[in-house]
Protein backbone atom coordinates (compact mmCIF):
# COMPACT_ATOMS: atom_id res chain seq x y z
CA MET A 1 -150.18 90.59 58.60
CA SER A 2 -150.62 93.26 55.94
CA TRP A 3 -151.29 92.78 52.25
CA VAL A 4 -151.19 95.09 49.25
CA VAL A 5 -154.13 94.76 46.87
CA PHE A 6 -154.36 95.68 43.19
CA SER A 7 -157.62 95.97 41.30
CA TYR A 8 -158.14 97.36 37.84
CA SER A 9 -160.52 97.69 34.94
CA LEU A 10 -159.85 98.40 31.27
CA PRO A 11 -162.20 99.78 28.64
CA PRO A 12 -164.45 96.90 27.47
CA LYS A 13 -163.86 97.65 23.79
CA GLY A 14 -160.15 98.16 24.10
CA HIS A 15 -157.45 96.13 22.41
CA SER A 16 -156.61 92.82 24.07
CA SER A 17 -152.85 93.53 24.25
CA PRO A 18 -152.96 95.53 27.52
CA ARG A 19 -155.01 92.79 29.18
CA VAL A 20 -152.58 90.08 28.16
CA ALA A 21 -149.58 92.19 29.17
CA LEU A 22 -151.06 92.91 32.61
CA TRP A 23 -151.92 89.25 33.16
CA ARG A 24 -148.34 88.27 32.34
CA ARG A 25 -146.90 90.98 34.58
CA LEU A 26 -149.07 89.92 37.51
CA ARG A 27 -147.95 86.35 37.03
CA ARG A 28 -144.28 87.37 36.97
CA LEU A 29 -144.80 89.39 40.15
CA GLY A 30 -146.12 86.30 41.91
CA ALA A 31 -149.52 87.83 42.70
CA VAL A 32 -152.41 85.55 43.61
CA SER A 33 -156.09 86.24 43.04
CA PRO A 34 -158.30 84.98 45.90
CA THR A 35 -161.38 86.26 44.12
CA ALA A 36 -162.18 87.67 40.71
CA GLY A 37 -161.01 91.21 40.14
CA ILE A 38 -158.35 91.55 42.86
CA HIS A 39 -154.71 90.52 43.05
CA ILE A 40 -152.63 90.49 46.22
CA LEU A 41 -149.02 90.49 47.33
CA PRO A 42 -147.47 90.72 50.80
CA ALA A 43 -147.11 94.31 52.00
CA ARG A 44 -143.48 94.89 51.08
CA GLU A 45 -141.93 97.92 49.52
CA GLU A 46 -141.00 96.22 46.26
CA CYS A 47 -144.50 94.75 45.93
CA LEU A 48 -146.14 98.11 46.47
CA GLU A 49 -143.91 99.75 43.89
CA ALA A 50 -144.63 96.99 41.37
CA PHE A 51 -148.38 97.46 41.77
CA GLN A 52 -148.02 101.22 41.48
CA TRP A 53 -146.22 100.87 38.16
CA LEU A 54 -148.98 98.56 36.96
CA ALA A 55 -151.54 101.16 38.00
CA GLU A 56 -149.77 103.72 35.82
CA GLU A 57 -149.86 101.32 32.88
CA VAL A 58 -153.59 100.82 33.36
CA GLN A 59 -154.08 104.57 33.43
CA HIS A 60 -152.13 104.96 30.19
CA ALA A 61 -154.45 102.36 28.65
CA LYS A 62 -157.37 104.63 29.70
CA GLY A 63 -158.45 102.28 32.46
CA GLU A 64 -158.80 102.64 36.23
CA ALA A 65 -156.71 101.04 38.95
CA LEU A 66 -156.71 100.88 42.72
CA VAL A 67 -153.78 100.03 45.00
CA MET A 68 -154.58 99.68 48.68
CA ARG A 69 -153.42 98.15 51.91
CA VAL A 70 -155.52 95.49 53.63
CA GLU A 71 -154.90 94.22 57.14
CA GLN A 72 -157.35 91.33 57.01
CA PHE A 73 -159.69 89.67 54.52
CA GLU A 74 -163.13 88.69 55.74
CA GLY A 75 -163.49 84.91 55.63
CA LEU A 76 -159.89 84.35 54.50
CA SER A 77 -157.11 84.01 57.07
CA ASP A 78 -153.49 84.99 56.60
CA ALA A 79 -152.51 81.33 56.81
CA GLU A 80 -154.88 80.46 53.96
CA LEU A 81 -153.50 83.29 51.81
CA MET A 82 -149.93 82.23 52.50
CA ASP A 83 -150.86 78.69 51.52
CA ARG A 84 -152.18 79.95 48.18
CA PHE A 85 -148.85 81.65 47.51
CA ARG A 86 -146.97 78.45 48.40
CA LYS A 87 -149.20 76.35 46.13
CA ALA A 88 -148.61 78.72 43.22
CA ARG A 89 -144.85 78.54 43.66
CA ALA A 90 -145.02 74.77 44.21
CA GLU A 91 -146.44 74.42 40.70
CA ASP A 92 -143.57 76.48 39.28
CA TYR A 93 -140.95 74.51 41.22
CA THR A 94 -142.49 71.16 40.28
CA ASP A 95 -142.33 72.02 36.58
CA LEU A 96 -138.66 73.03 36.88
CA ASP A 97 -137.88 69.96 38.98
CA ALA A 98 -139.22 67.69 36.23
CA GLN A 99 -136.85 69.37 33.78
CA ALA A 100 -133.98 69.08 36.27
CA ALA A 101 -134.73 65.38 36.82
CA ALA A 102 -134.54 64.78 33.06
CA LEU A 103 -131.21 66.61 33.00
CA GLU A 104 -129.89 64.61 35.96
CA ALA A 105 -130.80 61.37 34.19
CA GLN A 106 -128.37 62.26 31.40
CA LEU A 107 -125.36 62.43 33.72
CA ASN A 108 -122.73 59.74 33.52
CA PRO A 109 -118.95 59.55 34.03
CA GLU A 110 -118.31 59.00 30.31
CA LEU A 111 -119.67 62.33 29.12
CA LYS A 112 -117.55 64.01 26.48
CA PRO A 113 -116.49 67.66 26.99
CA ALA A 114 -119.01 68.89 24.42
CA GLU A 115 -121.79 66.94 26.12
CA ARG A 116 -120.82 68.33 29.53
CA SER A 117 -120.82 71.82 28.07
CA HIS A 118 -124.33 71.34 26.69
CA LEU A 119 -125.64 69.99 29.98
CA ARG A 120 -123.99 72.86 31.84
CA GLU A 121 -125.83 75.33 29.61
CA MET A 122 -129.09 73.57 30.37
CA LEU A 123 -128.28 73.69 34.08
CA GLU A 124 -127.62 77.43 33.99
CA ARG A 125 -130.92 77.99 32.19
CA LEU A 126 -132.69 76.07 34.93
CA ARG A 127 -130.81 78.07 37.57
CA ARG A 128 -131.96 81.33 36.01
CA GLN A 129 -135.55 80.10 35.92
CA TYR A 130 -135.24 78.93 39.52
CA ALA A 131 -133.96 82.36 40.57
CA GLU A 132 -136.98 84.00 38.96
CA VAL A 133 -139.35 81.76 40.90
CA ALA A 134 -137.40 82.08 44.16
CA ARG A 135 -137.61 85.87 43.86
CA ILE A 136 -141.40 85.68 44.23
CA ASP A 137 -141.48 82.74 46.65
CA PHE A 138 -142.51 84.99 49.51
CA PHE A 139 -143.40 82.21 51.96
CA ASP A 140 -140.81 79.50 51.25
CA ALA A 141 -142.64 76.74 49.41
CA PRO A 142 -140.88 73.50 50.47
CA GLU A 143 -140.58 72.37 46.85
CA GLY A 144 -138.00 75.12 46.38
CA GLY A 145 -135.58 73.42 48.75
CA LEU A 146 -135.95 70.11 46.93
CA LEU A 147 -135.21 71.77 43.60
CA THR A 148 -132.20 73.60 45.07
CA ALA A 149 -130.80 70.28 46.27
CA ARG A 150 -131.27 68.64 42.87
CA LEU A 151 -129.62 71.54 41.03
CA GLY A 152 -126.74 71.36 43.48
CA ARG A 153 -126.29 67.63 42.86
CA ILE A 154 -126.23 68.22 39.11
CA ALA A 155 -123.66 70.99 39.44
CA GLN A 156 -121.44 68.83 41.62
CA ALA A 157 -121.68 65.91 39.21
CA LEU A 158 -120.78 68.06 36.22
CA ALA A 159 -117.84 69.57 38.08
CA ALA A 160 -116.55 66.21 39.39
CA VAL A 161 -114.14 65.63 36.51
CA GLU A 162 -112.71 69.15 36.71
CA ARG A 163 -112.31 68.96 40.49
CA ALA A 164 -110.57 65.61 40.22
CA ALA A 165 -108.06 67.10 37.79
CA ALA A 166 -107.21 69.92 40.20
CA SER A 167 -105.42 68.63 43.28
CA VAL A 168 -106.09 70.88 46.29
CA THR A 169 -104.58 69.91 49.63
CA PRO A 170 -106.99 70.38 52.57
CA THR A 171 -105.79 73.07 54.96
CA ALA A 172 -106.81 73.85 58.54
CA LEU A 173 -108.39 77.28 58.55
CA GLU A 174 -107.37 77.87 62.19
CA ALA A 175 -103.70 77.78 61.20
CA TYR A 176 -104.19 81.02 59.25
CA ARG A 177 -106.05 83.10 61.85
CA GLU A 178 -102.98 85.23 62.60
CA ALA A 179 -101.34 85.00 59.19
CA ARG A 180 -99.96 88.00 57.35
CA TRP A 181 -101.04 87.95 53.72
CA VAL A 182 -99.63 89.43 50.53
CA THR A 183 -100.80 89.66 46.94
CA ARG A 184 -99.98 91.67 43.83
CA PRO A 185 -100.91 95.37 43.59
CA ARG A 186 -104.01 96.51 41.68
CA PRO A 187 -106.23 93.67 42.98
CA HIS A 188 -108.92 92.56 40.55
CA VAL A 189 -111.68 89.97 40.63
CA ASP A 190 -109.88 86.84 41.86
CA ARG A 191 -107.72 88.64 44.44
CA LEU A 192 -110.61 90.81 45.66
CA ALA A 193 -112.78 87.73 46.14
CA CYS A 194 -109.94 86.07 48.07
CA ILE A 195 -109.55 89.15 50.27
CA TRP A 196 -113.27 89.05 51.02
CA LEU A 197 -112.96 85.34 51.85
CA ILE A 198 -110.05 86.02 54.23
CA ARG A 199 -111.88 88.83 56.01
CA ARG A 200 -115.20 86.98 56.05
CA PHE A 201 -114.12 83.52 57.20
CA ILE A 202 -110.59 83.72 58.58
CA ASN A 203 -109.79 87.07 60.20
CA PRO A 204 -111.75 90.32 59.70
CA ALA A 205 -108.67 92.32 60.75
CA ALA A 206 -106.15 90.32 58.72
CA ASP A 207 -102.97 92.12 57.69
CA ILE A 208 -103.01 92.14 53.87
CA ARG A 209 -100.18 93.80 51.98
CA TYR A 210 -99.82 94.61 48.28
CA ALA A 211 -96.40 93.95 46.81
CA LYS A 212 -94.69 92.15 43.95
CA THR A 213 -92.45 90.13 46.28
CA PRO A 214 -93.61 88.47 49.51
CA GLU A 215 -91.70 88.66 52.79
CA PRO A 216 -90.56 85.35 54.36
CA ASP A 217 -93.36 85.34 56.98
CA GLU A 218 -96.18 86.27 54.61
CA VAL A 219 -98.74 83.97 53.01
CA ALA A 220 -98.88 84.81 49.32
CA PHE A 221 -102.02 84.30 47.26
CA ASP A 222 -102.64 84.66 43.55
CA MET A 223 -98.90 85.14 43.07
CA ARG A 224 -96.28 82.98 41.41
CA GLU A 225 -95.09 80.36 43.88
CA GLY A 226 -97.75 81.52 46.34
CA ALA A 227 -99.36 79.23 48.92
CA PHE A 228 -102.70 79.72 47.21
CA GLY A 229 -103.07 80.15 43.48
CA HIS A 230 -104.58 78.61 40.39
CA ARG A 231 -104.74 74.80 40.54
CA GLY A 232 -105.63 73.02 37.33
CA ASN A 233 -108.64 74.87 35.99
CA LEU A 234 -109.51 76.43 39.36
CA CYS A 235 -108.98 80.13 40.03
CA THR A 236 -107.37 81.16 43.32
CA PHE A 237 -110.71 81.84 45.02
CA GLU A 238 -111.94 78.35 44.14
CA THR A 239 -108.64 76.91 45.39
CA MET A 240 -108.97 78.66 48.77
CA VAL A 241 -112.60 77.61 49.17
CA ALA A 242 -111.65 74.00 48.47
CA ALA A 243 -108.54 74.10 50.66
CA PHE A 244 -110.38 75.44 53.69
CA GLY A 245 -113.40 73.18 53.18
CA LEU A 246 -115.80 76.12 52.92
CA ASP A 247 -118.62 74.40 51.06
CA ASP A 248 -122.00 76.01 50.55
CA GLN A 249 -124.07 76.87 47.48
CA GLY A 250 -123.42 80.61 47.80
CA LEU A 251 -119.65 80.14 47.75
CA ARG A 252 -119.86 77.66 44.88
CA THR A 253 -121.85 80.10 42.77
CA MET A 254 -119.51 82.96 43.72
CA GLY A 255 -116.58 80.79 42.67
CA GLU A 256 -118.17 80.16 39.30
CA ILE A 257 -118.78 83.90 38.77
CA VAL A 258 -115.20 84.76 39.74
CA HIS A 259 -113.91 81.88 37.62
CA GLU A 260 -115.68 83.11 34.50
CA ILE A 261 -114.54 86.73 34.91
CA ASP A 262 -110.98 85.68 35.68
CA LEU A 263 -110.49 82.83 33.18
CA ARG A 264 -113.20 83.56 30.59
CA ASP A 265 -113.35 79.94 29.49
CA GLY A 266 -117.13 79.85 29.06
CA ARG A 267 -117.48 77.14 31.69
CA TYR A 268 -120.13 78.92 33.75
CA ALA A 269 -122.99 81.26 32.93
CA HIS A 270 -124.64 83.32 35.66
CA PRO A 271 -126.76 86.45 35.17
CA GLU A 272 -124.69 88.29 37.79
CA THR A 273 -121.39 87.79 35.97
CA MET A 274 -121.64 90.66 33.51
CA GLY A 275 -122.70 93.18 36.16
CA VAL A 276 -119.88 92.24 38.55
CA ASP A 277 -117.39 92.35 35.69
CA GLU A 278 -118.46 95.84 34.60
CA VAL A 279 -118.32 97.23 38.14
CA LEU A 280 -114.79 95.89 38.64
CA LYS A 281 -113.67 97.32 35.31
CA GLY A 282 -115.12 100.68 36.29
CA TRP A 283 -113.11 100.79 39.50
CA LEU A 284 -109.88 100.12 37.62
CA LEU A 285 -110.67 102.79 35.05
CA ALA A 286 -111.43 105.23 37.88
CA GLY A 287 -107.88 104.74 39.18
CA LEU A 288 -108.86 103.68 42.71
CA SER A 289 -106.00 102.91 45.08
CA ASP A 290 -105.28 99.37 46.26
CA ARG A 291 -107.01 100.03 49.59
CA GLU A 292 -109.99 101.60 47.89
CA LEU A 293 -110.27 98.62 45.57
CA GLU A 294 -110.08 96.35 48.60
CA SER A 295 -112.81 98.12 50.59
CA HIS A 296 -115.09 98.37 47.56
CA GLY A 297 -114.43 94.74 46.63
CA VAL A 298 -115.16 93.43 50.12
CA ALA A 299 -118.48 95.28 50.12
CA LEU A 300 -119.33 94.04 46.63
CA PHE A 301 -118.65 90.38 47.37
CA GLU A 302 -120.36 90.55 50.76
CA GLY A 303 -123.48 91.83 49.02
CA LEU A 304 -123.22 89.18 46.32
CA TYR A 305 -122.77 86.39 48.86
CA THR A 306 -125.72 87.62 50.92
CA ALA A 307 -127.94 87.74 47.82
CA LEU A 308 -126.88 84.27 46.68
CA THR A 309 -127.43 82.67 50.09
CA ARG A 310 -130.79 84.33 50.75
CA ARG A 311 -132.53 83.62 47.46
CA GLY A 312 -136.07 82.47 48.06
CA ARG A 313 -136.25 83.79 51.63
CA PRO A 314 -138.91 86.32 52.57
CA GLY A 315 -137.82 89.90 51.96
CA ARG A 316 -138.03 92.72 54.43
CA ARG A 317 -141.31 94.46 55.03
CA GLY A 318 -142.09 97.54 53.03
CA ARG A 319 -143.11 101.02 54.10
CA THR A 320 -146.67 101.93 55.01
CA ILE A 321 -148.98 101.56 52.03
CA THR A 322 -151.59 104.15 51.29
CA ARG A 323 -154.70 103.91 49.16
CA THR A 324 -154.24 105.16 45.60
CA SER A 325 -156.46 105.27 42.56
CA GLU A 326 -156.11 105.73 38.82
CA GLY A 327 -152.43 104.89 38.94
CA GLU A 328 -151.43 107.60 41.44
CA ARG A 329 -148.18 106.61 43.16
CA THR A 330 -147.35 107.45 46.78
């Protein structure tokens, strides 16, 4: 396989700040150093671009940098290099897993609301740190899967009380394949997420109408007296996910993001929430039609779901990498 290599030198009498900053940046990028003086990443577009920006920083610090593509290292196989990447990420995951284990040990059915809130904040911090590591886990270190499972167990345990309070009747998804659906006009976060769910898991060509009053043969959602709506502290999207038994980590996280934007109760904290919220607000301010909101919303939530379910997987390969020097970008 191909690798992108970064090598640099800074003036020997220069200030130490650029050296420290570069070391930290290389660490955050997930680069490994098989030998002194060079740092490598898999040959992907985002990795090339990251090294090119670093080369510019070196140049600004009056140093020299080289970014180049390497097909093979003499005396070091691809498998050995991949193993070095996995070992580096394993150390990161192991550190986070120790913190998650300590958090899991604090769980018990008698937790007070304030205690659950504190533990939930700790969980979200760990999730954000996990996402940062998963982003540079180019070759799927197995420790990442173990940590994902532990974080999922913690999330389920913390949500157990809330789920118990919200009674959702299981529903056969097949019974709704040919259903005609209706919801209120000007669909926003909860309704748009539900529409995506319907088109993604039930019927891509479902008939969905926007009206204030449903017809007798229509299935209403997120409407008063509708078949699917808020249940306890669950938003409509969470209700539909639970009713249809659609249980995976991506959908759970999506539900928490939609929940926070829709209910704003501070129950969940995800880095994606603010961005999704601002995009949805922008569409409403732009005066998009119901159908435009629907098509945009389906695309938005499909992208979000894909990102959430593919965290930690290898990214796509980048474009051809050319040799550069002194920070020159190609």
